[in-house]
């Protein structure tokens, strides 16, 4: 039986009547048209679908949209406010991407990491991103990108 779900997605109120089994990732992609949140596994292993739910990094393929009812969700499309967010700038400057498939999830996980720890060590960055897999870069450039954003000291304002 379909039920109403109300979310604030990237500062826009959304309401849809959905089946309770709809995953948040499919809600965002199919009903909101926000395809920057990627589906890489649907089991929570890869992290390509990472978004922020009430400020917490969440793998949106592991959460039903009804579980997020009333929450504020930020996707990759919702960061930067028309400019590159410091983490996005770091990925650009440090070549923290190759194919780009994992990049939105990596960026969202990095934003969450830096909100929790604004000055992480390289080891803490690696540990903070361990739930997000990249098959192309070898992680070195991704860690460089997050370290650059941290050094900029503007992540919270990004």
N, C-alpha and C. Protein backbone atom coordinates (compact mmCIF):
# COMPACT_ATOMS: atom_id res chain seq x y z
N UNK A 1 0.84 -1.17 0.00
CA UNK A 1 0.00 0.00 0.00
C UNK A 1 0.90 1.24 0.00
N UNK A 2 0.79 2.10 -1.01
CA UNK A 2 1.61 3.32 -1.09
C UNK A 2 1.34 4.26 0.09
N UNK A 3 2.40 4.94 0.50
CA UNK A 3 2.29 5.89 1.60
C UNK A 3 3.01 7.19 1.22
N UNK A 4 2.59 8.32 1.81
CA UNK A 4 3.27 9.57 1.51
C UNK A 4 4.62 9.68 2.22
N UNK A 5 5.59 10.25 1.52
CA UNK A 5 6.91 10.50 2.09
C UNK A 5 7.25 11.95 1.82
N UNK A 6 7.68 12.64 2.86
CA UNK A 6 8.09 14.04 2.75
C UNK A 6 9.56 14.15 3.12
N UNK A 7 10.34 14.71 2.21
CA UNK A 7 11.76 14.91 2.44
C UNK A 7 12.13 16.31 2.00
N UNK A 8 13.16 16.84 2.60
CA UNK A 8 13.77 18.09 2.12
C UNK A 8 15.04 17.67 1.41
N UNK A 9 15.04 17.76 0.10
CA UNK A 9 16.16 17.29 -0.72
C UNK A 9 16.86 18.50 -1.33
N UNK A 10 18.11 18.70 -0.96
CA UNK A 10 18.88 19.84 -1.46
C UNK A 10 18.12 21.16 -1.30
N UNK A 11 17.56 21.33 -0.10
CA UNK A 11 16.84 22.54 0.28
C UNK A 11 15.52 22.75 -0.47
N UNK A 12 15.00 21.69 -1.07
CA UNK A 12 13.70 21.75 -1.73
C UNK A 12 12.80 20.69 -1.11
N UNK A 13 11.61 21.11 -0.70
CA UNK A 13 10.67 20.16 -0.12
C UNK A 13 10.11 19.26 -1.21
N UNK A 14 10.10 17.96 -0.93
CA UNK A 14 9.59 16.96 -1.88
C UNK A 14 8.57 16.10 -1.16
N UNK A 15 7.53 15.73 -1.88
CA UNK A 15 6.53 14.82 -1.34
C UNK A 15 6.07 13.91 -2.45
N UNK A 16 6.11 12.62 -2.19
CA UNK A 16 5.65 11.62 -3.14
C UNK A 16 4.91 10.52 -2.38
N UNK A 17 3.98 9.91 -3.05
CA UNK A 17 3.31 8.74 -2.51
C UNK A 17 3.99 7.54 -3.15
N UNK A 18 4.59 6.70 -2.31
CA UNK A 18 5.43 5.61 -2.83
C UNK A 18 5.14 4.30 -2.13
N UNK A 19 5.58 3.23 -2.76
CA UNK A 19 5.56 1.92 -2.11
C UNK A 19 6.62 1.92 -1.01
N UNK A 20 6.35 1.33 0.13
CA UNK A 20 7.32 1.32 1.23
C UNK A 20 8.66 0.67 0.89
N UNK A 21 8.72 -0.15 -0.14
CA UNK A 21 9.95 -0.86 -0.50
C UNK A 21 10.92 -0.04 -1.35
N UNK A 22 10.55 1.20 -1.72
CA UNK A 22 11.41 2.04 -2.56
C UNK A 22 12.63 2.49 -1.76
N UNK A 23 13.81 2.16 -2.28
CA UNK A 23 15.05 2.59 -1.64
C UNK A 23 15.26 4.08 -1.85
N UNK A 24 15.95 4.70 -0.91
CA UNK A 24 16.21 6.13 -1.01
C UNK A 24 16.94 6.47 -2.31
N UNK A 25 17.90 5.64 -2.72
CA UNK A 25 18.63 5.91 -3.96
C UNK A 25 17.69 5.98 -5.15
N UNK A 26 16.70 5.10 -5.21
CA UNK A 26 15.76 5.10 -6.33
C UNK A 26 14.76 6.27 -6.21
N UNK A 27 14.41 6.61 -4.99
CA UNK A 27 13.58 7.80 -4.77
C UNK A 27 14.28 9.03 -5.36
N UNK A 28 15.56 9.18 -5.01
CA UNK A 28 16.32 10.35 -5.46
C UNK A 28 16.49 10.35 -6.98
N UNK A 29 16.85 9.21 -7.54
CA UNK A 29 17.12 9.12 -8.97
C UNK A 29 15.83 9.16 -9.80
N UNK A 30 14.88 8.33 -9.44
CA UNK A 30 13.70 8.13 -10.27
C UNK A 30 12.60 9.17 -10.05
N UNK A 31 12.38 9.57 -8.82
CA UNK A 31 11.30 10.51 -8.53
C UNK A 31 11.77 11.96 -8.47
N UNK A 32 13.01 12.17 -8.02
CA UNK A 32 13.53 13.54 -7.93
C UNK A 32 14.40 13.91 -9.13
N UNK A 33 14.78 12.94 -9.93
CA UNK A 33 15.60 13.20 -11.11
C UNK A 33 17.05 13.56 -10.78
N UNK A 34 17.51 13.18 -9.60
CA UNK A 34 18.87 13.50 -9.16
C UNK A 34 19.77 12.30 -9.41
N UNK A 35 20.29 12.21 -10.61
CA UNK A 35 21.04 11.03 -11.03
C UNK A 35 22.52 11.08 -10.67
N UNK A 36 22.96 12.09 -9.97
CA UNK A 36 24.34 12.14 -9.50
C UNK A 36 24.62 11.11 -8.43
N UNK A 37 23.60 10.64 -7.75
CA UNK A 37 23.73 9.58 -6.77
C UNK A 37 23.71 8.27 -7.54
N UNK A 38 24.83 7.58 -7.57
CA UNK A 38 24.98 6.40 -8.41
C UNK A 38 24.59 5.11 -7.69
N UNK A 39 24.18 4.13 -8.47
CA UNK A 39 23.88 2.80 -7.96
C UNK A 39 25.00 1.89 -8.44
N UNK A 40 25.80 1.41 -7.50
CA UNK A 40 26.92 0.56 -7.87
C UNK A 40 26.78 -0.87 -7.40
N UNK A 41 25.95 -1.10 -6.37
CA UNK A 41 25.89 -2.45 -5.83
C UNK A 41 24.54 -2.82 -5.24
N UNK A 42 23.80 -1.90 -4.68
CA UNK A 42 22.54 -2.13 -3.98
C UNK A 42 22.69 -3.03 -2.75
N UNK A 43 23.89 -3.12 -2.21
CA UNK A 43 24.13 -3.90 -0.99
C UNK A 43 24.91 -3.12 0.06
N UNK A 44 25.24 -1.86 -0.23
CA UNK A 44 25.96 -1.04 0.74
C UNK A 44 27.46 -1.24 0.74
N UNK A 45 27.98 -1.97 -0.23
CA UNK A 45 29.40 -2.28 -0.23
C UNK A 45 30.24 -1.17 -0.87
N UNK A 46 29.76 -0.58 -1.95
CA UNK A 46 30.64 0.31 -2.74
C UNK A 46 30.63 1.78 -2.32
N UNK A 47 29.51 2.29 -1.81
CA UNK A 47 29.44 3.68 -1.38
C UNK A 47 29.16 4.69 -2.48
N UNK A 48 28.94 4.24 -3.72
CA UNK A 48 28.67 5.17 -4.82
C UNK A 48 27.39 5.97 -4.60
N UNK A 49 26.52 5.46 -3.75
CA UNK A 49 25.22 6.10 -3.51
C UNK A 49 25.21 6.96 -2.23
N UNK A 50 26.37 7.27 -1.69
CA UNK A 50 26.43 8.01 -0.42
C UNK A 50 25.82 9.39 -0.54
N UNK A 51 24.93 9.71 0.38
CA UNK A 51 24.31 11.03 0.50
C UNK A 51 24.36 11.41 1.98
N UNK A 52 24.01 12.64 2.27
CA UNK A 52 23.90 13.07 3.67
C UNK A 52 22.43 13.10 4.06
N UNK A 53 22.10 12.42 5.14
CA UNK A 53 20.74 12.44 5.68
C UNK A 53 20.85 13.07 7.06
N UNK A 54 20.26 14.25 7.19
CA UNK A 54 20.39 15.03 8.42
C UNK A 54 21.86 15.16 8.83
N UNK A 55 22.71 15.36 7.83
CA UNK A 55 24.13 15.60 8.07
C UNK A 55 24.99 14.37 8.23
N UNK A 56 24.39 13.20 8.23
CA UNK A 56 25.14 11.95 8.40
C UNK A 56 25.30 11.25 7.05
N UNK A 57 26.50 10.74 6.78
CA UNK A 57 26.73 10.00 5.54
C UNK A 57 25.96 8.68 5.60
N UNK A 58 25.17 8.44 4.56
CA UNK A 58 24.33 7.25 4.49
C UNK A 58 24.45 6.66 3.09
N UNK A 59 24.55 5.36 3.01
CA UNK A 59 24.50 4.68 1.73
C UNK A 59 23.03 4.52 1.37
N UNK A 60 22.60 5.29 0.41
CA UNK A 60 21.16 5.40 0.12
C UNK A 60 20.57 4.13 -0.47
N UNK A 61 21.40 3.15 -0.83
CA UNK A 61 20.86 1.87 -1.30
C UNK A 61 20.51 0.95 -0.14
N UNK A 62 20.82 1.37 1.08
CA UNK A 62 20.54 0.54 2.26
C UNK A 62 19.41 1.11 3.11
N UNK A 63 18.78 2.17 2.63
CA UNK A 63 17.76 2.86 3.41
C UNK A 63 16.50 3.00 2.57
N UNK A 64 15.38 2.59 3.11
CA UNK A 64 14.12 2.84 2.42
C UNK A 64 13.79 4.32 2.52
N UNK A 65 13.21 4.86 1.49
CA UNK A 65 12.84 6.28 1.50
C UNK A 65 11.89 6.57 2.66
N UNK A 66 11.01 5.65 2.99
CA UNK A 66 10.08 5.88 4.11
C UNK A 66 10.81 6.02 5.44
N UNK A 67 11.99 5.40 5.55
CA UNK A 67 12.78 5.53 6.78
C UNK A 67 13.36 6.94 6.91
N UNK A 68 13.49 7.63 5.81
CA UNK A 68 14.03 8.99 5.82
C UNK A 68 12.94 10.04 5.86
N UNK A 69 11.69 9.63 5.97
CA UNK A 69 10.57 10.57 5.99
C UNK A 69 10.82 11.68 7.00
N UNK A 70 10.68 12.91 6.56
CA UNK A 70 10.88 14.07 7.42
C UNK A 70 12.31 14.56 7.50
N UNK A 71 13.24 13.85 6.88
CA UNK A 71 14.66 14.19 6.97
C UNK A 71 15.06 15.20 5.90
N UNK A 72 16.24 15.75 6.13
CA UNK A 72 16.89 16.61 5.14
C UNK A 72 17.97 15.78 4.46
N UNK A 73 17.91 15.71 3.13
CA UNK A 73 18.85 14.91 2.35
C UNK A 73 19.65 15.84 1.45
N UNK A 74 20.96 15.65 1.44
CA UNK A 74 21.83 16.40 0.53
C UNK A 74 22.51 15.40 -0.39
N UNK A 75 22.39 15.66 -1.69
CA UNK A 75 23.04 14.84 -2.70
C UNK A 75 24.18 15.66 -3.31
N UNK A 76 24.93 15.05 -4.20
CA UNK A 76 26.03 15.74 -4.86
C UNK A 76 25.54 17.00 -5.57
N UNK A 77 24.31 16.96 -6.08
CA UNK A 77 23.77 18.15 -6.76
C UNK A 77 23.52 19.30 -5.80
N UNK A 78 23.45 19.01 -4.51
CA UNK A 78 23.13 20.03 -3.52
C UNK A 78 24.33 20.68 -2.84
N UNK A 79 25.54 20.31 -3.24
CA UNK A 79 26.72 20.92 -2.63
C UNK A 79 27.31 21.99 -3.55
N UNK A 80 27.94 22.96 -2.97
CA UNK A 80 28.65 23.98 -3.74
C UNK A 80 27.88 25.25 -4.03
N UNK A 81 26.55 25.21 -3.99
CA UNK A 81 25.75 26.42 -4.23
C UNK A 81 26.18 27.18 -5.48
N UNK A 82 26.30 26.47 -6.59
CA UNK A 82 26.66 27.12 -7.84
C UNK A 82 28.16 27.26 -8.07
N UNK A 83 28.95 26.91 -7.08
CA UNK A 83 30.41 26.94 -7.18
C UNK A 83 30.92 25.57 -6.75
N UNK A 84 32.16 25.30 -7.05
CA UNK A 84 32.73 24.05 -6.56
C UNK A 84 32.91 24.12 -5.05
N UNK A 85 32.41 23.12 -4.36
CA UNK A 85 32.64 22.96 -2.94
C UNK A 85 34.15 22.71 -2.76
N UNK A 86 34.76 23.08 -1.65
CA UNK A 86 36.19 22.84 -1.46
C UNK A 86 36.61 21.38 -1.69
N UNK A 87 35.76 20.44 -1.35
CA UNK A 87 36.10 19.04 -1.62
C UNK A 87 36.06 18.77 -3.12
N UNK A 88 35.06 19.30 -3.80
CA UNK A 88 35.01 19.15 -5.26
C UNK A 88 36.24 19.79 -5.91
N UNK A 89 36.62 20.96 -5.42
CA UNK A 89 37.81 21.64 -5.95
C UNK A 89 39.05 20.79 -5.72
N UNK A 90 39.14 20.17 -4.56
CA UNK A 90 40.26 19.29 -4.27
C UNK A 90 40.32 18.11 -5.23
N UNK A 91 39.18 17.51 -5.51
CA UNK A 91 39.14 16.40 -6.47
C UNK A 91 39.60 16.87 -7.85
N UNK A 92 39.20 18.07 -8.22
CA UNK A 92 39.60 18.63 -9.52
C UNK A 92 41.11 18.89 -9.53
N UNK A 93 41.58 19.61 -8.53
CA UNK A 93 42.99 20.01 -8.50
C UNK A 93 43.94 18.82 -8.36
N UNK A 94 43.55 17.82 -7.58
CA UNK A 94 44.44 16.70 -7.26
C UNK A 94 44.18 15.46 -8.12
N UNK A 95 43.32 15.60 -9.11
CA UNK A 95 43.01 14.48 -10.02
C UNK A 95 42.47 13.29 -9.22
N UNK A 96 41.54 13.57 -8.33
CA UNK A 96 40.97 12.55 -7.46
C UNK A 96 39.88 11.74 -8.12
N UNK A 97 39.91 11.65 -9.42
CA UNK A 97 38.92 10.84 -10.12
C UNK A 97 39.53 10.33 -11.41
N UNK A 98 38.99 9.24 -11.87
CA UNK A 98 39.35 8.75 -13.20
C UNK A 98 38.05 8.51 -13.95
N UNK A 99 37.39 7.37 -13.74
CA UNK A 99 36.14 7.16 -14.48
C UNK A 99 35.03 8.03 -13.91
N UNK A 100 35.12 8.39 -12.62
CA UNK A 100 34.15 9.28 -12.00
C UNK A 100 32.95 8.61 -11.39
N UNK A 101 32.81 7.30 -11.55
CA UNK A 101 31.61 6.64 -11.05
C UNK A 101 31.48 6.73 -9.53
N UNK A 102 32.58 6.57 -8.82
CA UNK A 102 32.54 6.61 -7.36
C UNK A 102 32.59 8.04 -6.82
N UNK A 103 32.93 9.00 -7.67
CA UNK A 103 33.24 10.35 -7.22
C UNK A 103 32.12 11.02 -6.42
N UNK A 104 30.86 10.99 -6.86
CA UNK A 104 29.83 11.65 -6.03
C UNK A 104 29.76 11.08 -4.61
N UNK A 105 29.81 9.76 -4.49
CA UNK A 105 29.77 9.14 -3.16
C UNK A 105 31.01 9.46 -2.35
N UNK A 106 32.16 9.47 -3.01
CA UNK A 106 33.42 9.83 -2.32
C UNK A 106 33.36 11.26 -1.81
N UNK A 107 32.86 12.16 -2.64
CA UNK A 107 32.77 13.57 -2.24
C UNK A 107 31.82 13.72 -1.06
N UNK A 108 30.68 13.06 -1.10
CA UNK A 108 29.72 13.18 0.01
C UNK A 108 30.31 12.59 1.29
N UNK A 109 30.98 11.45 1.19
CA UNK A 109 31.63 10.86 2.37
C UNK A 109 32.74 11.77 2.89
N UNK A 110 33.46 12.42 1.98
CA UNK A 110 34.54 13.34 2.38
C UNK A 110 33.99 14.57 3.09
N UNK A 111 32.88 15.10 2.60
CA UNK A 111 32.25 16.25 3.25
C UNK A 111 31.83 15.88 4.67
N UNK A 112 31.25 14.70 4.82
CA UNK A 112 30.86 14.25 6.16
C UNK A 112 32.08 14.08 7.05
N UNK A 113 33.12 13.45 6.51
CA UNK A 113 34.36 13.24 7.27
C UNK A 113 34.91 14.57 7.78
N UNK A 114 35.00 15.56 6.90
CA UNK A 114 35.57 16.85 7.29
C UNK A 114 34.66 17.64 8.22
N UNK A 115 33.37 17.38 8.17
CA UNK A 115 32.46 18.01 9.13
C UNK A 115 32.71 17.45 10.53
N UNK A 116 33.08 16.16 10.59
CA UNK A 116 33.36 15.51 11.88
C UNK A 116 34.78 15.79 12.37
N UNK A 117 35.71 15.91 11.42
CA UNK A 117 37.13 16.09 11.76
C UNK A 117 37.73 17.04 10.72
N UNK A 118 37.72 18.33 10.98
CA UNK A 118 38.19 19.31 9.99
C UNK A 118 39.67 19.22 9.62
N UNK A 119 40.48 18.58 10.46
CA UNK A 119 41.92 18.50 10.19
C UNK A 119 42.42 17.05 10.33
N UNK A 120 41.91 16.15 9.50
CA UNK A 120 42.33 14.76 9.64
C UNK A 120 43.72 14.52 9.07
N UNK A 121 44.38 13.52 9.62
CA UNK A 121 45.64 13.05 9.05
C UNK A 121 45.31 12.24 7.80
N UNK A 122 46.33 11.91 7.02
CA UNK A 122 46.12 11.08 5.84
C UNK A 122 45.55 9.71 6.24
N UNK A 123 46.02 9.17 7.36
CA UNK A 123 45.50 7.89 7.83
C UNK A 123 44.04 8.00 8.24
N UNK A 124 43.67 9.11 8.86
CA UNK A 124 42.28 9.32 9.24
C UNK A 124 41.39 9.52 8.03
N UNK A 125 41.91 10.16 6.98
CA UNK A 125 41.14 10.30 5.75
C UNK A 125 40.90 8.92 5.14
N UNK A 126 41.95 8.12 5.04
CA UNK A 126 41.82 6.77 4.49
C UNK A 126 40.81 5.96 5.29
N UNK A 127 40.89 6.04 6.60
CA UNK A 127 39.95 5.31 7.46
C UNK A 127 38.53 5.84 7.28
N UNK A 128 38.38 7.15 7.17
CA UNK A 128 37.07 7.76 7.02
C UNK A 128 36.39 7.43 5.70
N UNK A 129 37.17 7.07 4.70
CA UNK A 129 36.61 6.76 3.38
C UNK A 129 36.61 5.26 3.09
N UNK A 130 36.90 4.44 4.08
CA UNK A 130 37.03 3.01 3.84
C UNK A 130 35.74 2.36 3.35
N UNK A 131 34.62 2.96 3.59
CA UNK A 131 33.34 2.41 3.12
C UNK A 131 32.99 2.80 1.70
N UNK A 132 33.87 3.50 1.02
CA UNK A 132 33.64 3.91 -0.36
C UNK A 132 34.75 3.33 -1.22
N UNK A 133 34.36 2.57 -2.21
CA UNK A 133 35.34 1.88 -3.05
C UNK A 133 35.58 2.63 -4.36
N UNK A 134 36.84 2.63 -4.77
CA UNK A 134 37.24 3.17 -6.06
C UNK A 134 38.03 2.09 -6.77
N UNK A 135 37.64 1.82 -7.99
CA UNK A 135 38.32 0.77 -8.75
C UNK A 135 39.39 1.34 -9.67
N UNK A 136 39.57 2.65 -9.71
CA UNK A 136 40.46 3.25 -10.71
C UNK A 136 41.67 3.98 -10.15
N UNK A 137 41.52 4.79 -9.09
CA UNK A 137 42.56 5.75 -8.73
C UNK A 137 43.63 5.23 -7.79
N UNK A 138 43.36 4.21 -7.03
CA UNK A 138 44.33 3.77 -6.03
C UNK A 138 44.29 4.62 -4.78
N UNK A 139 43.34 5.52 -4.66
CA UNK A 139 43.05 6.31 -3.47
C UNK A 139 44.04 7.43 -3.15
N UNK A 140 45.24 7.38 -3.61
CA UNK A 140 46.23 8.40 -3.26
C UNK A 140 45.76 9.80 -3.63
N UNK A 141 45.25 9.96 -4.84
CA UNK A 141 44.79 11.27 -5.27
C UNK A 141 43.52 11.71 -4.53
N UNK A 142 42.70 10.75 -4.17
CA UNK A 142 41.49 11.07 -3.39
C UNK A 142 41.89 11.59 -2.02
N UNK A 143 42.85 10.94 -1.39
CA UNK A 143 43.33 11.39 -0.08
C UNK A 143 43.96 12.77 -0.21
N UNK A 144 44.72 12.99 -1.29
CA UNK A 144 45.29 14.31 -1.54
C UNK A 144 44.19 15.37 -1.65
N UNK A 145 43.12 15.03 -2.35
CA UNK A 145 42.00 15.97 -2.56
C UNK A 145 41.35 16.37 -1.24
N UNK A 146 41.11 15.37 -0.38
CA UNK A 146 40.48 15.65 0.91
C UNK A 146 41.43 16.45 1.80
N UNK A 147 42.71 16.12 1.75
CA UNK A 147 43.70 16.87 2.53
C UNK A 147 43.76 18.32 2.07
N UNK A 148 43.68 18.56 0.75
CA UNK A 148 43.66 19.93 0.24
C UNK A 148 42.43 20.68 0.75
N UNK A 149 41.28 20.04 0.70
CA UNK A 149 40.05 20.69 1.19
C UNK A 149 40.17 21.00 2.67
N UNK A 150 40.75 20.08 3.43
CA UNK A 150 40.96 20.29 4.85
C UNK A 150 41.88 21.49 5.09
N UNK A 151 42.95 21.57 4.33
CA UNK A 151 43.91 22.66 4.48
C UNK A 151 43.27 24.00 4.12
N UNK A 152 42.30 23.99 3.21
CA UNK A 152 41.62 25.23 2.83
C UNK A 152 40.79 25.78 3.98
N UNK A 153 40.37 24.88 4.88
CA UNK A 153 39.65 25.30 6.08
C UNK A 153 38.28 25.90 5.83
N UNK A 154 37.71 25.64 4.65
CA UNK A 154 36.43 26.25 4.30
C UNK A 154 35.34 25.21 4.08
N UNK A 155 35.56 23.99 4.48
CA UNK A 155 34.61 22.93 4.18
C UNK A 155 33.24 23.20 4.77
N UNK A 156 33.20 23.63 6.00
CA UNK A 156 31.91 23.88 6.64
C UNK A 156 31.13 24.99 5.96
N UNK A 157 31.83 25.92 5.35
CA UNK A 157 31.16 27.03 4.68
C UNK A 157 30.85 26.72 3.22
N UNK A 158 31.47 25.62 2.66
CA UNK A 158 31.31 25.27 1.27
C UNK A 158 29.90 25.02 0.91
